[in-house]
Amino acid sequence: MNPPNDLFEVSYTYWLMVFAFSLCITIAYVVRFLFGKAERYLRWNRVTAFAAALTLCLIAVDGLNLAHRKLESQYRLAGTVAVIAITIWLAWLHLKHSRTPWERFRRRPSAWLLLASSFGLVGWSSHQYQERLKPPVKRSLVIAVAPGQQSQQVLEFVALTDGNHPIKVYRLDQDALDSTDDESPWESLSVEYNGNMIQRAPAGLLANCHGWVFLDGQYLISGDAVQRILDDNAYEVVDEAMAGDVIIYRDNNRNIVHSGLVRGVLDDGTVIIESKWGIEGVFLHNPLDTPYSVLFAYYRSPRPTHRVKIVPVDELPTDK
C-alpha cells in the first residue's frame, strides 16, 4: 500500500528492483573487502560503484516522499535539498572509492560507511517492498453528524438565506462525543473506508460538511437546511463542473447526505473535490471516492461566495 500524500507513487515492483540492486551491491562490497586485493577486480569495482549510485538515486525518491509526507510545508524545501545533497555525497563516495587500492580502501572509515549504507539499502528496500504487499488499511471515519441527536442547537444565532429564511445551526454535543457506552450514537455513524483521498486539514468538531461549505466551518447544519440554501440562494444544477461550484450528494431517497466544493478540473476532465467528512478532516478526492453516495450533482450560483450570513436571533428581519 502506498502511504497517503506521497510526492511520487512507487509500486512493489519498483522496490523489488531496488532490493535486488542493493543486495548485489552489498555482496560486491563484502567480496571486495575480503578478496579485493587482486587487480582483476578493478573493473568490477567500478561497475559496483555505478550500480550503487543508481540505487541511491532510486532510494532518493522515497526520501523525497518522506520529506513531503512528514515535514511541514515550510520545511519541505529544506528537506528536499537535504535528501538530494546526501544522495549526491554518497554517490560521489561510491564512485571515488571505486579506484582506491584495496589496502587503503579497507582502512578508510568512509569505506566502512559505504559497506554499512549498502546493508541499510538492503534493509530499507526490503521493508518498503513488504509494506507495498500489505492490503490497504481501512480507516474508521465518523462521516455523519445528525443535528438534533449528537449536537445541540445554538439558540443565539441562525443562518439567514438570501430569501430571509432562518436556518438552525448546531454545535457538537460534547457529552455524546465523550460517550464510551456500547450504545454510543457515534458507533452507527462510523464506517470503514480505504478509498483514495488526500487529507488537507485535520479533524474538527465545529462543523460538518455542510457547515464547512456554507458557514465557513463554524457550525453544523442539516441536509434539509442545505436544500433551503440551494433554493433561496439562486443555485442551479450544471452539467459541467468548474472550480468554485458546489457538489451535492444525495441518497436513493433524494435526501442530501454530503456536500463539498469543486477545486479544479484537470485536462483529462477529472474533477477534484474538497470536502469535510463529518467530524473528520478535510479531504481532496474525486467525486466517486467518498463513502457517502454515488449520486451527485454540481450546483452554481451567481453569488460571489457560498457563505450564508450568520445573524443574532434578535436581529432577524420581521414581516411588516
Protein backbone atom coordinates (compact mmCIF):
# COMPACT_ATOMS: atom_id res chain seq x y z
CA MET A 1 0.00 0.00 0.00
CA ASN A 2 1.31 3.43 -0.90
CA PRO A 3 1.33 5.88 2.02
CA PRO A 4 -1.02 8.85 1.60
CA ASN A 5 0.23 12.21 0.35
CA ASP A 6 3.29 10.80 -1.39
CA LEU A 7 5.02 13.03 -3.91
CA PHE A 8 5.89 10.07 -6.16
CA GLU A 9 3.88 6.87 -6.35
CA VAL A 10 6.03 3.73 -6.48
CA SER A 11 4.91 0.12 -6.70
CA TYR A 12 6.13 -3.07 -5.07
CA THR A 13 7.85 -3.95 -8.37
CA TYR A 14 9.94 -0.79 -8.04
CA TRP A 15 11.05 -1.76 -4.55
CA LEU A 16 11.74 -5.34 -5.62
CA MET A 17 14.11 -3.97 -8.25
CA VAL A 18 15.79 -1.68 -5.71
CA PHE A 19 16.13 -4.59 -3.28
CA ALA A 20 17.78 -6.76 -5.94
CA PHE A 21 20.26 -3.98 -6.83
CA SER A 22 21.03 -3.32 -3.17
CA LEU A 23 21.62 -6.99 -2.43
CA CYS A 24 24.03 -7.32 -5.37
CA ILE A 25 25.89 -4.18 -4.31
CA THR A 26 26.21 -5.42 -0.72
CA ILE A 27 27.55 -8.78 -1.86
CA ALA A 28 30.03 -7.00 -4.15
CA TYR A 29 31.32 -4.83 -1.28
CA VAL A 30 31.69 -7.83 1.03
CA VAL A 31 33.64 -9.64 -1.69
CA ARG A 32 35.80 -6.56 -2.21
CA PHE A 33 36.59 -6.30 1.49
CA LEU A 34 37.59 -9.97 1.59
CA PHE A 35 39.18 -10.61 -1.81
CA GLY A 36 39.57 -7.22 -3.47
CA LYS A 37 43.37 -7.21 -3.47
CA ALA A 38 43.65 -8.67 -6.97
CA GLU A 39 43.83 -6.15 -9.81
CA ARG A 40 41.31 -8.09 -11.87
CA TYR A 41 38.56 -6.79 -9.58
CA LEU A 42 39.15 -3.16 -10.57
CA ARG A 43 36.57 -3.14 -13.38
CA TRP A 44 34.06 -4.92 -11.16
CA ASN A 45 34.60 -2.24 -8.50
CA ARG A 46 33.65 0.47 -10.98
CA VAL A 47 30.51 -1.41 -12.04
CA THR A 48 29.55 -1.77 -8.38
CA ALA A 49 30.08 1.93 -7.77
CA PHE A 50 27.89 2.96 -10.70
CA ALA A 51 25.20 0.49 -9.64
CA ALA A 52 25.33 1.90 -6.10
CA ALA A 53 24.98 5.47 -7.41
CA LEU A 54 21.94 4.42 -9.46
CA THR A 55 20.37 2.65 -6.49
CA LEU A 56 20.89 5.70 -4.30
CA CYS A 57 19.00 7.80 -6.85
CA LEU A 58 16.15 5.30 -6.75
CA ILE A 59 16.13 5.34 -2.94
CA ALA A 60 16.16 9.15 -3.02
CA VAL A 61 12.65 9.03 -4.46
CA ASP A 62 11.47 7.58 -1.17
CA GLY A 63 13.45 10.21 0.71
CA LEU A 64 11.60 12.93 -1.19
CA ASN A 65 8.29 11.22 -0.41
CA LEU A 66 9.24 11.07 3.25
CA ALA A 67 10.15 14.76 3.35
CA HIS A 68 6.90 15.69 1.63
CA ARG A 69 4.82 13.47 3.90
CA LYS A 70 6.39 14.12 7.30
CA LEU A 71 7.57 17.73 7.19
CA GLU A 72 5.51 20.87 7.50
CA SER A 73 5.15 22.86 4.28
CA GLN A 74 7.70 25.48 5.36
CA TYR A 75 10.36 22.79 5.89
CA ARG A 76 9.75 20.67 2.80
CA LEU A 77 12.15 22.60 0.57
CA ALA A 78 14.95 22.21 3.11
CA GLY A 79 14.15 18.51 3.45
CA THR A 80 14.21 18.07 -0.32
CA VAL A 81 17.58 19.82 -0.60
CA ALA A 82 18.96 17.65 2.22
CA VAL A 83 17.83 14.42 0.53
CA ILE A 84 19.40 15.46 -2.80
CA ALA A 85 22.64 16.58 -1.11
CA ILE A 86 23.03 13.32 0.85
CA THR A 87 22.32 11.29 -2.28
CA ILE A 88 24.93 13.17 -4.30
CA TRP A 89 27.51 12.88 -1.49
CA LEU A 90 27.05 9.12 -1.07
CA ALA A 91 27.08 8.55 -4.84
CA TRP A 92 30.31 10.56 -5.05
CA LEU A 93 31.88 8.42 -2.30
CA HIS A 94 30.98 5.23 -4.15
CA LEU A 95 32.47 6.49 -7.40
CA LYS A 96 35.56 7.93 -5.69
CA HIS A 97 36.43 4.71 -3.86
CA SER A 98 35.94 2.54 -6.93
CA ARG A 99 39.59 3.24 -7.81
CA THR A 100 41.00 3.17 -4.32
CA PRO A 101 43.61 0.38 -3.81
CA TRP A 102 42.47 -2.46 -1.62
CA GLU A 103 44.97 -1.78 1.19
CA ARG A 104 43.87 1.84 1.63
CA PHE A 105 40.20 1.10 0.96
CA ARG A 106 39.86 -1.23 3.96
CA ARG A 107 41.49 1.31 6.30
CA ARG A 108 39.28 4.26 5.41
CA PRO A 109 36.23 4.97 7.62
CA SER A 110 34.31 6.13 4.56
CA ALA A 111 34.71 2.68 3.02
CA TRP A 112 33.11 1.11 6.05
CA LEU A 113 30.37 3.73 5.76
CA LEU A 114 29.73 2.56 2.19
CA LEU A 115 29.51 -1.04 3.35
CA ALA A 116 27.11 -0.09 6.16
CA SER A 117 24.99 2.01 3.80
CA SER A 118 24.76 -0.94 1.42
CA PHE A 119 23.32 -3.09 4.19
CA GLY A 120 20.99 -0.18 5.01
CA LEU A 121 19.78 -0.07 1.41
CA VAL A 122 19.00 -3.79 1.53
CA GLY A 123 17.08 -3.45 4.78
CA TRP A 124 15.10 -0.38 3.76
CA SER A 125 14.18 -1.63 0.28
CA SER A 126 13.12 -4.98 1.74
CA HIS A 127 10.94 -3.18 4.29
CA GLN A 128 9.31 -0.99 1.64
CA TYR A 129 8.69 -3.98 -0.61
CA GLN A 130 6.94 -5.80 2.23
CA GLU A 131 4.87 -2.69 3.02
CA ARG A 132 3.65 -2.46 -0.58
CA LEU A 133 2.45 -6.07 -0.41
CA LYS A 134 0.19 -5.36 2.55
CA PRO A 135 -3.52 -4.83 1.81
CA PRO A 136 -4.80 -1.25 2.17
CA VAL A 137 -5.55 -0.25 5.74
CA LYS A 138 -9.15 0.73 6.24
CA ARG A 139 -9.75 3.93 8.17
CA SER A 140 -12.54 4.22 10.69
CA LEU A 141 -14.28 7.50 9.94
CA VAL A 142 -17.16 9.27 11.64
CA ILE A 143 -18.63 10.62 8.43
CA ALA A 144 -22.03 11.90 9.56
CA VAL A 145 -23.26 14.14 12.34
CA ALA A 146 -27.03 14.35 12.77
CA PRO A 147 -28.12 17.75 14.11
CA GLY A 148 -30.55 17.30 16.97
CA GLN A 149 -29.12 13.91 18.03
CA GLN A 150 -25.38 14.27 18.57
CA SER A 151 -25.45 18.06 18.57
CA GLN A 152 -27.20 20.94 20.28
CA GLN A 153 -28.90 23.90 18.64
CA VAL A 154 -27.20 27.27 19.04
CA LEU A 155 -30.04 29.42 20.28
CA GLU A 156 -28.31 32.79 19.97
CA PHE A 157 -27.65 32.69 16.22
CA VAL A 158 -29.17 31.46 12.99
CA ALA A 159 -28.03 31.34 9.39
CA LEU A 160 -30.08 33.55 7.07
CA THR A 161 -30.57 32.71 3.39
CA ASP A 162 -30.99 35.31 0.66
CA GLY A 163 -34.71 34.63 0.90
CA ASN A 164 -34.65 35.65 4.58
CA HIS A 165 -35.37 32.14 5.75
CA PRO A 166 -33.64 31.37 9.08
CA ILE A 167 -31.72 28.13 9.37
CA LYS A 168 -30.96 26.48 12.67
CA VAL A 169 -27.26 26.00 13.41
CA TYR A 170 -25.77 23.46 15.78
CA ARG A 171 -22.69 22.72 17.82
CA LEU A 172 -21.43 19.31 18.74
CA ASP A 173 -22.76 17.80 21.95
CA GLN A 174 -19.58 17.08 23.88
CA ASP A 175 -21.37 14.59 26.15
CA ALA A 176 -22.37 12.49 23.14
CA LEU A 177 -18.85 12.69 21.74
CA ASP A 178 -17.25 11.61 25.03
CA SER A 179 -19.66 8.70 25.44
CA THR A 180 -17.85 5.38 25.65
CA ASP A 181 -21.00 3.33 26.10
CA ASP A 182 -21.57 0.46 23.68
CA GLU A 183 -24.82 2.20 22.75
CA SER A 184 -22.98 5.40 21.79
CA PRO A 185 -24.78 7.12 18.86
CA TRP A 186 -21.42 7.65 17.20
CA GLU A 187 -20.97 3.96 16.53
CA SER A 188 -23.69 3.85 13.90
CA LEU A 189 -22.11 6.80 12.09
CA SER A 190 -18.69 5.20 11.70
CA VAL A 191 -17.58 3.48 8.50
CA GLU A 192 -14.51 1.59 7.36
CA TYR A 193 -13.15 3.25 4.23
CA ASN A 194 -10.00 2.77 2.18
CA GLY A 195 -10.68 4.98 -0.85
CA ASN A 196 -8.23 7.35 -2.46
CA MET A 197 -8.09 10.75 -0.80
CA ILE A 198 -5.57 13.36 0.29
CA GLN A 199 -6.06 14.90 3.69
CA ARG A 200 -5.82 18.69 3.63
CA ALA A 201 -6.84 19.58 7.17
CA PRO A 202 -7.18 17.68 10.46
CA ALA A 203 -10.42 16.60 12.07
CA GLY A 204 -12.52 19.41 13.51
CA LEU A 205 -15.55 19.34 15.77
CA LEU A 206 -17.04 22.73 14.91
CA ALA A 207 -18.66 21.83 11.61
CA ASN A 208 -19.89 19.03 9.42
CA CYS A 209 -19.52 19.02 5.63
CA HIS A 210 -22.45 21.42 5.08
CA GLY A 211 -21.23 23.86 7.71
CA TRP A 212 -17.77 23.76 6.17
CA VAL A 213 -19.14 24.67 2.72
CA PHE A 214 -21.75 27.28 3.66
CA LEU A 215 -20.81 28.60 7.13
CA ASP A 216 -17.01 28.88 6.99
CA GLY A 217 -16.70 25.80 9.15
CA GLN A 218 -18.27 27.44 12.21
CA TYR A 219 -21.43 25.37 12.75
CA LEU A 220 -23.27 22.20 11.83
CA ILE A 221 -26.37 22.36 9.64
CA SER A 222 -28.69 19.67 8.33
CA GLY A 223 -29.17 18.35 4.81
CA ASP A 224 -32.67 19.87 4.76
CA ALA A 225 -31.13 23.25 5.51
CA VAL A 226 -28.79 22.82 2.54
CA GLN A 227 -31.79 22.30 0.28
CA ARG A 228 -33.24 25.59 1.55
CA ILE A 229 -29.93 27.34 0.80
CA LEU A 230 -29.88 25.93 -2.72
CA ASP A 231 -33.44 27.14 -3.34
CA ASP A 232 -33.04 30.62 -1.83
CA ASN A 233 -29.51 31.48 -2.99
CA ALA A 234 -30.08 31.01 -6.73
CA TYR A 235 -28.22 27.72 -7.17
CA GLU A 236 -28.78 25.86 -10.41
CA VAL A 237 -27.67 22.41 -11.50
CA VAL A 238 -24.92 22.45 -14.15
CA ASP A 239 -23.73 19.61 -16.36
CA GLU A 240 -20.03 20.51 -16.45
CA ALA A 241 -18.23 21.39 -13.25
CA MET A 242 -15.80 24.25 -12.85
CA ALA A 243 -13.72 25.48 -9.95
CA GLY A 244 -15.89 27.12 -7.31
CA ASP A 245 -19.01 25.03 -7.89
CA VAL A 246 -20.72 23.12 -5.11
CA ILE A 247 -21.19 19.35 -5.31
CA ILE A 248 -24.24 17.87 -3.57
CA TYR A 249 -24.57 14.14 -2.81
CA ARG A 250 -27.97 12.52 -2.27
CA ASP A 251 -29.15 9.10 -1.17
CA ASN A 252 -31.65 6.96 -3.03
CA ASN A 253 -34.50 8.94 -1.47
CA ARG A 254 -33.04 12.23 -2.74
CA ASN A 255 -32.04 13.35 0.75
CA ILE A 256 -28.87 15.43 0.88
CA VAL A 257 -26.15 13.45 2.65
CA HIS A 258 -22.93 15.30 1.77
CA SER A 259 -21.62 18.48 0.17
CA GLY A 260 -18.28 19.79 -0.99
CA LEU A 261 -16.51 22.26 -3.26
CA VAL A 262 -15.08 21.80 -6.74
CA ARG A 263 -11.43 22.84 -6.54
CA GLY A 264 -10.49 22.24 -10.15
CA VAL A 265 -10.88 20.23 -13.33
CA LEU A 266 -7.83 18.51 -14.84
CA ASP A 267 -7.05 18.47 -18.55
CA ASP A 268 -8.44 14.95 -18.85
CA GLY A 269 -11.74 16.05 -17.32
CA THR A 270 -11.10 14.67 -13.83
CA VAL A 271 -12.91 16.79 -11.24
CA ILE A 272 -11.14 17.46 -7.94
CA ILE A 273 -13.42 17.82 -4.91
CA GLU A 274 -12.55 19.18 -1.48
CA SER A 275 -14.93 18.34 1.34
CA LYS A 276 -15.11 17.77 5.07
CA TRP A 277 -16.17 14.30 6.14
CA GLY A 278 -18.39 14.63 9.19
CA ILE A 279 -16.20 15.47 12.17
CA GLU A 280 -13.20 14.04 10.34
CA GLY A 281 -10.69 16.03 8.31
CA VAL A 282 -10.94 17.87 5.02
CA PHE A 283 -10.03 15.72 2.02
CA LEU A 284 -9.27 16.10 -1.66
CA HIS A 285 -10.85 13.34 -3.71
CA ASN A 286 -12.59 12.66 -6.98
CA PRO A 287 -16.40 12.75 -6.97
CA LEU A 288 -16.82 8.98 -6.68
CA ASP A 289 -14.23 8.48 -3.93
CA THR A 290 -16.42 9.09 -0.89
CA PRO A 291 -18.26 6.72 1.45
CA TYR A 292 -21.47 8.76 1.10
CA SER A 293 -23.11 8.17 -2.25
CA VAL A 294 -22.51 7.90 -5.98
CA LEU A 295 -25.50 10.14 -6.72
CA PHE A 296 -24.32 13.71 -7.04
CA ALA A 297 -24.82 16.90 -9.00
CA TYR A 298 -22.91 20.16 -9.42
CA TYR A 299 -24.55 23.44 -8.43
CA ARG A 300 -23.59 27.00 -9.39
CA SER A 301 -24.76 30.36 -8.09
CA PRO A 302 -24.11 33.93 -9.32
CA ARG A 303 -23.28 34.88 -5.72
CA PRO A 304 -19.59 35.82 -5.16
CA THR A 305 -19.33 33.37 -2.26
CA HIS A 306 -21.17 30.36 -0.90
CA ARG A 307 -21.16 31.76 2.61
CA VAL A 308 -24.55 32.18 4.27
CA LYS A 309 -24.59 35.04 6.76
CA ILE A 310 -24.93 34.39 10.47
CA VAL A 311 -27.15 36.79 12.40
CA PRO A 312 -28.22 37.03 16.07
CA VAL A 313 -31.73 35.76 16.63
CA ASP A 314 -32.89 39.13 17.98
CA GLU A 315 -31.81 40.83 14.72
CA LEU A 316 -33.90 38.65 12.44
CA PRO A 317 -35.96 40.65 9.94
CA THR A 318 -39.65 40.82 10.83
CA ASP A 319 -42.53 40.83 8.40
CA LYS A 320 -44.33 44.16 8.26
